[in-house]
Amino acid sequence: MAEGFYRKKKKICQMCAGKSVDYKDVMIVSKYINEKGKIMPRRMTGACAKHQRHIAEQIKRARYMALLPYVK
């Protein structure tokens, strides 16, 4: 086997580990959006499919309540 190749470590879903995301906590929710205000994909957040849907729902709620901007 060639040197320099290694198996990438699998990301663990933070929400499965016990952390929660709520739309009222802007600091946590803002970690899941990029500098343009878009929702980051699963491959970047490391969330499982179920919790990625939950994160997206909480971001949309925070936007609706004007806690987060739609566009930056």
PDB file of N, CA and C in Angstrom:
ATOM      1  N   MET A   1       0.842  -1.175   0.000  1.00  0.00           N
ATOM      2  CA  MET A   1       0.000   0.000   0.000  1.00  0.00           C
ATOM      3  C   MET A   1       0.885   1.235   0.000  1.00  0.00           C
ATOM      4  N   ALA A   2       0.461   2.245  -0.728  1.00  0.00           N
ATOM      5  CA  ALA A   2       1.258   3.460  -0.863  1.00  0.00           C
ATOM      6  C   ALA A   2       1.200   4.285   0.422  1.00  0.00           C
ATOM      7  N   GLU A   3       2.291   4.961   0.690  1.00  0.00           N
ATOM      8  CA  GLU A   3       2.348   5.837   1.859  1.00  0.00           C
ATOM      9  C   GLU A   3       1.511   7.091   1.606  1.00  0.00           C
ATOM     10  N   GLY A   4       0.956   7.660   2.634  1.00  0.00           N
ATOM     11  CA  GLY A   4       0.190   8.889   2.515  1.00  0.00           C
ATOM     12  C   GLY A   4      -1.309   8.664   2.418  1.00  0.00           C
ATOM     13  N   PHE A   5      -1.716   7.430   2.180  1.00  0.00           N
ATOM     14  CA  PHE A   5      -3.145   7.145   2.127  1.00  0.00           C
ATOM     15  C   PHE A   5      -3.613   6.720   3.508  1.00  0.00           C
ATOM     16  N   TYR A   6      -4.744   7.216   3.910  1.00  0.00           N
ATOM     17  CA  TYR A   6      -5.276   6.855   5.208  1.00  0.00           C
ATOM     18  C   TYR A   6      -6.801   6.871   5.124  1.00  0.00           C
ATOM     19  N   ARG A   7      -7.409   6.155   5.998  1.00  0.00           N
ATOM     20  CA  ARG A   7      -8.867   6.108   6.043  1.00  0.00           C
ATOM     21  C   ARG A   7      -9.374   7.332   6.805  1.00  0.00           C
ATOM     22  N   LYS A   8     -10.319   8.041   6.186  1.00  0.00           N
ATOM     23  CA  LYS A   8     -10.863   9.235   6.813  1.00  0.00           C
ATOM     24  C   LYS A   8     -11.757   8.841   7.976  1.00  0.00           C
ATOM     25  N   LYS A   9     -11.603   9.525   9.101  1.00  0.00           N
ATOM     26  CA  LYS A   9     -12.388   9.231  10.282  1.00  0.00           C
ATOM     27  C   LYS A   9     -13.824   9.687  10.066  1.00  0.00           C
ATOM     28  N   LYS A  10     -14.783   8.832  10.373  1.00  0.00           N
ATOM     29  CA  LYS A  10     -16.192   9.142  10.189  1.00  0.00           C
ATOM     30  C   LYS A  10     -16.645  10.156  11.230  1.00  0.00           C
ATOM     31  N   LYS A  11     -17.354  11.186  10.771  1.00  0.00           N
ATOM     32  CA  LYS A  11     -17.872  12.197  11.683  1.00  0.00           C
ATOM     33  C   LYS A  11     -19.036  11.616  12.472  1.00  0.00           C
ATOM     34  N   ILE A  12     -19.130  11.988  13.717  1.00  0.00           N
ATOM     35  CA  ILE A  12     -20.222  11.543  14.573  1.00  0.00           C
ATOM     36  C   ILE A  12     -21.220  12.690  14.690  1.00  0.00           C
ATOM     37  N   CYS A  13     -22.478  12.353  14.530  1.00  0.00           N
ATOM     38  CA  CYS A  13     -23.538  13.362  14.633  1.00  0.00           C
ATOM     39  C   CYS A  13     -23.538  13.930  16.052  1.00  0.00           C
ATOM     40  N   GLN A  14     -23.388  15.241  16.158  1.00  0.00           N
ATOM     41  CA  GLN A  14     -23.340  15.890  17.471  1.00  0.00           C
ATOM     42  C   GLN A  14     -24.670  15.779  18.216  1.00  0.00           C
ATOM     43  N   MET A  15     -25.756  15.761  17.466  1.00  0.00           N
ATOM     44  CA  MET A  15     -27.064  15.687  18.112  1.00  0.00           C
ATOM     45  C   MET A  15     -27.333  14.279  18.628  1.00  0.00           C
ATOM     46  N   CYS A  16     -26.827  13.255  17.946  1.00  0.00           N
ATOM     47  CA  CYS A  16     -26.961  11.884  18.453  1.00  0.00           C
ATOM     48  C   CYS A  16     -26.135  11.718  19.723  1.00  0.00           C
ATOM     49  N   ALA A  17     -25.058  12.520  19.837  1.00  0.00           N
ATOM     50  CA  ALA A  17     -24.193  12.454  21.009  1.00  0.00           C
ATOM     51  C   ALA A  17     -24.795  13.181  22.210  1.00  0.00           C
ATOM     52  N   GLY A  18     -25.872  13.955  21.991  1.00  0.00           N
ATOM     53  CA  GLY A  18     -26.536  14.571  23.129  1.00  0.00           C
ATOM     54  C   GLY A  18     -26.729  16.067  23.051  1.00  0.00           C
ATOM     55  N   LYS A  19     -26.089  16.766  22.097  1.00  0.00           N
ATOM     56  CA  LYS A  19     -26.267  18.209  21.986  1.00  0.00           C
ATOM     57  C   LYS A  19     -27.534  18.495  21.196  1.00  0.00           C
ATOM     58  N   SER A  20     -28.233  19.563  21.549  1.00  0.00           N
ATOM     59  CA  SER A  20     -29.469  19.895  20.852  1.00  0.00           C
ATOM     60  C   SER A  20     -29.342  21.260  20.177  1.00  0.00           C
ATOM     61  N   VAL A  21     -30.195  21.468  19.180  1.00  0.00           N
ATOM     62  CA  VAL A  21     -30.239  22.727  18.449  1.00  0.00           C
ATOM     63  C   VAL A  21     -31.642  23.296  18.600  1.00  0.00           C
ATOM     64  N   ASP A  22     -31.715  24.547  19.055  1.00  0.00           N
ATOM     65  CA  ASP A  22     -32.992  25.215  19.208  1.00  0.00           C
ATOM     66  C   ASP A  22     -32.919  26.555  18.497  1.00  0.00           C
ATOM     67  N   TYR A  23     -33.982  26.960  17.850  1.00  0.00           N
ATOM     68  CA  TYR A  23     -33.968  28.186  17.054  1.00  0.00           C
ATOM     69  C   TYR A  23     -33.715  29.429  17.894  1.00  0.00           C
ATOM     70  N   LYS A  24     -33.998  29.376  19.193  1.00  0.00           N
ATOM     71  CA  LYS A  24     -33.797  30.537  20.056  1.00  0.00           C
ATOM     72  C   LYS A  24     -32.325  30.763  20.402  1.00  0.00           C
ATOM     73  N   ASP A  25     -31.502  29.721  20.258  1.00  0.00           N
ATOM     74  CA  ASP A  25     -30.070  29.835  20.545  1.00  0.00           C
ATOM     75  C   ASP A  25     -29.333  30.168  19.246  1.00  0.00           C
ATOM     76  N   VAL A  26     -29.210  31.449  18.965  1.00  0.00           N
ATOM     77  CA  VAL A  26     -28.693  31.927  17.683  1.00  0.00           C
ATOM     78  C   VAL A  26     -27.229  31.534  17.473  1.00  0.00           C
ATOM     79  N   MET A  27     -26.452  31.509  18.524  1.00  0.00           N
ATOM     80  CA  MET A  27     -25.029  31.172  18.375  1.00  0.00           C
ATOM     81  C   MET A  27     -24.845  29.744  17.859  1.00  0.00           C
ATOM     82  N   ILE A  28     -25.624  28.817  18.347  1.00  0.00           N
ATOM     83  CA  ILE A  28     -25.510  27.425  17.912  1.00  0.00           C
ATOM     84  C   ILE A  28     -26.067  27.268  16.502  1.00  0.00           C
ATOM     85  N   VAL A  29     -27.212  27.872  16.238  1.00  0.00           N
ATOM     86  CA  VAL A  29     -27.838  27.740  14.922  1.00  0.00           C
ATOM     87  C   VAL A  29     -26.967  28.381  13.841  1.00  0.00           C
ATOM     88  N   SER A  30     -26.298  29.470  14.161  1.00  0.00           N
ATOM     89  CA  SER A  30     -25.473  30.157  13.164  1.00  0.00           C
ATOM     90  C   SER A  30     -24.236  29.345  12.771  1.00  0.00           C
ATOM     91  N   LYS A  31     -23.866  28.342  13.551  1.00  0.00           N
ATOM     92  CA  LYS A  31     -22.749  27.473  13.161  1.00  0.00           C
ATOM     93  C   LYS A  31     -23.099  26.604  11.954  1.00  0.00           C
ATOM     94  N   TYR A  32     -24.390  26.420  11.714  1.00  0.00           N
ATOM     95  CA  TYR A  32     -24.837  25.542  10.640  1.00  0.00           C
ATOM     96  C   TYR A  32     -25.204  26.293   9.369  1.00  0.00           C
ATOM     97  N   ILE A  33     -24.894  27.599   9.286  1.00  0.00           N
ATOM     98  CA  ILE A  33     -25.083  28.342   8.051  1.00  0.00           C
ATOM     99  C   ILE A  33     -23.742  28.935   7.628  1.00  0.00           C
ATOM    100  N   ASN A  34     -23.548  29.095   6.316  1.00  0.00           N
ATOM    101  CA  ASN A  34     -22.272  29.638   5.846  1.00  0.00           C
ATOM    102  C   ASN A  34     -22.322  31.162   5.814  1.00  0.00           C
ATOM    103  N   GLU A  35     -21.270  31.783   5.307  1.00  0.00           N
ATOM    104  CA  GLU A  35     -21.164  33.241   5.349  1.00  0.00           C
ATOM    105  C   GLU A  35     -22.192  33.930   4.449  1.00  0.00           C
ATOM    106  N   LYS A  36     -22.757  33.210   3.481  1.00  0.00           N
ATOM    107  CA  LYS A  36     -23.794  33.783   2.630  1.00  0.00           C
ATOM    108  C   LYS A  36     -25.195  33.585   3.211  1.00  0.00           C
ATOM    109  N   GLY A  37     -25.297  32.815   4.288  1.00  0.00           N
ATOM    110  CA  GLY A  37     -26.588  32.581   4.924  1.00  0.00           C
ATOM    111  C   GLY A  37     -27.251  31.290   4.503  1.00  0.00           C
ATOM    112  N   LYS A  38     -26.548  30.472   3.712  1.00  0.00           N
ATOM    113  CA  LYS A  38     -27.124  29.208   3.257  1.00  0.00           C
ATOM    114  C   LYS A  38     -26.916  28.119   4.310  1.00  0.00           C
ATOM    115  N   ILE A  39     -27.821  27.147   4.330  1.00  0.00           N
ATOM    116  CA  ILE A  39     -27.716  26.019   5.249  1.00  0.00           C
ATOM    117  C   ILE A  39     -26.619  25.091   4.740  1.00  0.00           C
ATOM    118  N   MET A  40     -25.694  24.726   5.619  1.00  0.00           N
ATOM    119  CA  MET A  40     -24.591  23.860   5.224  1.00  0.00           C
ATOM    120  C   MET A  40     -25.068  22.418   5.038  1.00  0.00           C
ATOM    121  N   PRO A  41     -24.482  21.681   4.096  1.00  0.00           N
ATOM    122  CA  PRO A  41     -24.915  20.308   3.839  1.00  0.00           C
ATOM    123  C   PRO A  41     -24.418  19.338   4.912  1.00  0.00           C
ATOM    124  N   ARG A  42     -24.971  18.129   4.866  1.00  0.00           N
ATOM    125  CA  ARG A  42     -24.633  17.090   5.849  1.00  0.00           C
ATOM    126  C   ARG A  42     -23.156  16.759   5.861  1.00  0.00           C
ATOM    127  N   ARG A  43     -22.551  16.726   4.684  1.00  0.00           N
ATOM    128  CA  ARG A  43     -21.131  16.340   4.619  1.00  0.00           C
ATOM    129  C   ARG A  43     -20.229  17.341   5.330  1.00  0.00           C
ATOM    130  N   MET A  44     -20.710  18.566   5.502  1.00  0.00           N
ATOM    131  CA  MET A  44     -19.939  19.577   6.221  1.00  0.00           C
ATOM    132  C   MET A  44     -20.312  19.641   7.700  1.00  0.00           C
ATOM    133  N   THR A  45     -21.591  19.443   8.019  1.00  0.00           N
ATOM    134  CA  THR A  45     -22.016  19.531   9.413  1.00  0.00           C
ATOM    135  C   THR A  45     -21.735  18.245  10.175  1.00  0.00           C
ATOM    136  N   GLY A  46     -21.723  17.113   9.470  1.00  0.00           N
ATOM    137  CA  GLY A  46     -21.486  15.834  10.130  1.00  0.00           C
ATOM    138  C   GLY A  46     -22.727  15.269  10.794  1.00  0.00           C
ATOM    139  N   ALA A  47     -23.891  15.834  10.512  1.00  0.00           N
ATOM    140  CA  ALA A  47     -25.137  15.381  11.126  1.00  0.00           C
ATOM    141  C   ALA A  47     -25.726  14.213  10.344  1.00  0.00           C
ATOM    142  N   CYS A  48     -26.479  13.367  11.029  1.00  0.00           N
ATOM    143  CA  CYS A  48     -27.197  12.291  10.343  1.00  0.00           C
ATOM    144  C   CYS A  48     -28.398  12.913   9.629  1.00  0.00           C
ATOM    145  N   ALA A  49     -29.058  12.141   8.760  1.00  0.00           N
ATOM    146  CA  ALA A  49     -30.149  12.678   7.941  1.00  0.00           C
ATOM    147  C   ALA A  49     -31.292  13.205   8.791  1.00  0.00           C
ATOM    148  N   LYS A  50     -31.646  12.479   9.817  1.00  0.00           N
ATOM    149  CA  LYS A  50     -32.754  12.882  10.693  1.00  0.00           C
ATOM    150  C   LYS A  50     -32.461  14.217  11.358  1.00  0.00           C
ATOM    151  N   HIS A  51     -31.267  14.364  11.882  1.00  0.00           N
ATOM    152  CA  HIS A  51     -30.922  15.588  12.596  1.00  0.00           C
ATOM    153  C   HIS A  51     -30.602  16.741  11.642  1.00  0.00           C
ATOM    154  N   GLN A  52     -30.163  16.451  10.420  1.00  0.00           N
ATOM    155  CA  GLN A  52     -29.954  17.517   9.444  1.00  0.00           C
ATOM    156  C   GLN A  52     -31.291  18.165   9.094  1.00  0.00           C
ATOM    157  N   ARG A  53     -32.341  17.360   8.988  1.00  0.00           N
ATOM    158  CA  ARG A  53     -33.669  17.911   8.741  1.00  0.00           C
ATOM    159  C   ARG A  53     -34.114  18.777   9.923  1.00  0.00           C
ATOM    160  N   HIS A  54     -33.801  18.340  11.135  1.00  0.00           N
ATOM    161  CA  HIS A  54     -34.137  19.112  12.343  1.00  0.00           C
ATOM    162  C   HIS A  54     -33.370  20.440  12.360  1.00  0.00           C
ATOM    163  N   ILE A  55     -32.100  20.401  12.008  1.00  0.00           N
ATOM    164  CA  ILE A  55     -31.284  21.616  11.967  1.00  0.00           C
ATOM    165  C   ILE A  55     -31.867  22.599  10.955  1.00  0.00           C
ATOM    166  N   ALA A  56     -32.221  22.101   9.766  1.00  0.00           N
ATOM    167  CA  ALA A  56     -32.789  22.969   8.729  1.00  0.00           C
ATOM    168  C   ALA A  56     -34.096  23.594   9.194  1.00  0.00           C
ATOM    169  N   GLU A  57     -34.911  22.822   9.881  1.00  0.00           N
ATOM    170  CA  GLU A  57     -36.183  23.336  10.397  1.00  0.00           C
ATOM    171  C   GLU A  57     -35.945  24.438  11.425  1.00  0.00           C
ATOM    172  N   GLN A  58     -34.975  24.254  12.310  1.00  0.00           N
ATOM    173  CA  GLN A  58     -34.677  25.254  13.335  1.00  0.00           C
ATOM    174  C   GLN A  58     -34.107  26.529  12.712  1.00  0.00           C
ATOM    175  N   ILE A  59     -33.286  26.398  11.670  1.00  0.00           N
ATOM    176  CA  ILE A  59     -32.745  27.572  10.980  1.00  0.00           C
ATOM    177  C   ILE A  59     -33.878  28.355  10.333  1.00  0.00           C
ATOM    178  N   LYS A  60     -34.802  27.648   9.696  1.00  0.00           N
ATOM    179  CA  LYS A  60     -35.927  28.314   9.038  1.00  0.00           C
ATOM    180  C   LYS A  60     -36.819  29.018  10.055  1.00  0.00           C
ATOM    181  N   ARG A  61     -37.005  28.425  11.214  1.00  0.00           N
ATOM    182  CA  ARG A  61     -37.779  29.078  12.272  1.00  0.00           C
ATOM    183  C   ARG A  61     -37.081  30.343  12.758  1.00  0.00           C
ATOM    184  N   ALA A  62     -35.755  30.257  12.938  1.00  0.00           N
ATOM    185  CA  ALA A  62     -34.996  31.426  13.399  1.00  0.00           C
ATOM    186  C   ALA A  62     -35.048  32.542  12.366  1.00  0.00           C
ATOM    187  N   ARG A  63     -35.029  32.194  11.088  1.00  0.00           N
ATOM    188  CA  ARG A  63     -35.149  33.211  10.041  1.00  0.00           C
ATOM    189  C   ARG A  63     -36.527  33.864  10.087  1.00  0.00           C
ATOM    190  N   TYR A  64     -37.560  33.043  10.239  1.00  0.00           N
ATOM    191  CA  TYR A  64     -38.929  33.562  10.266  1.00  0.00           C
ATOM    192  C   TYR A  64     -39.145  34.508  11.447  1.00  0.00           C
ATOM    193  N   MET A  65     -38.529  34.186  12.589  1.00  0.00           N
ATOM    194  CA  MET A  65     -38.657  35.012  13.786  1.00  0.00           C
ATOM    195  C   MET A  65     -37.682  36.197  13.776  1.00  0.00           C
ATOM    196  N   ALA A  66     -36.946  36.365  12.674  1.00  0.00           N
ATOM    197  CA  ALA A  66     -35.992  37.458  12.451  1.00  0.00           C
ATOM    198  C   ALA A  66     -34.805  37.405  13.421  1.00  0.00           C
ATOM    199  N   LEU A  67     -34.447  36.196  13.865  1.00  0.00           N
ATOM    200  CA  LEU A  67     -33.253  36.038  14.691  1.00  0.00           C
ATOM    201  C   LEU A  67     -32.022  35.860  13.817  1.00  0.00           C
ATOM    202  N   LEU A  68     -32.234  35.330  12.605  1.00  0.00           N
ATOM    203  CA  LEU A  68     -31.179  35.163  11.619  1.00  0.00           C
ATOM    204  C   LEU A  68     -31.617  35.821  10.320  1.00  0.00           C
ATOM    205  N   PRO A  69     -30.681  36.374   9.551  1.00  0.00           N
ATOM    206  CA  PRO A  69     -31.064  36.940   8.257  1.00  0.00           C
ATOM    207  C   PRO A  69     -31.227  35.838   7.207  1.00  0.00           C
ATOM    208  N   TYR A  70     -32.072  36.094   6.202  1.00  0.00           N
ATOM    209  CA  TYR A  70     -32.215  35.158   5.098  1.00  0.00           C
ATOM    210  C   TYR A  70     -30.968  35.178   4.220  1.00  0.00           C
ATOM    211  N   VAL A  71     -30.402  36.368   4.005  1.00  0.00           N
ATOM    212  CA  VAL A  71     -29.220  36.544   3.171  1.00  0.00           C
ATOM    213  C   VAL A  71     -28.275  37.484   3.905  1.00  0.00           C
ATOM    214  N   LYS A  72     -26.981  37.238   3.770  1.00  0.00           N
ATOM    215  CA  LYS A  72     -26.005  38.125   4.400  1.00  0.00           C
ATOM    216  C   LYS A  72     -25.317  38.973   3.356  1.00  0.00           C
TER     217      LYS A  72
END
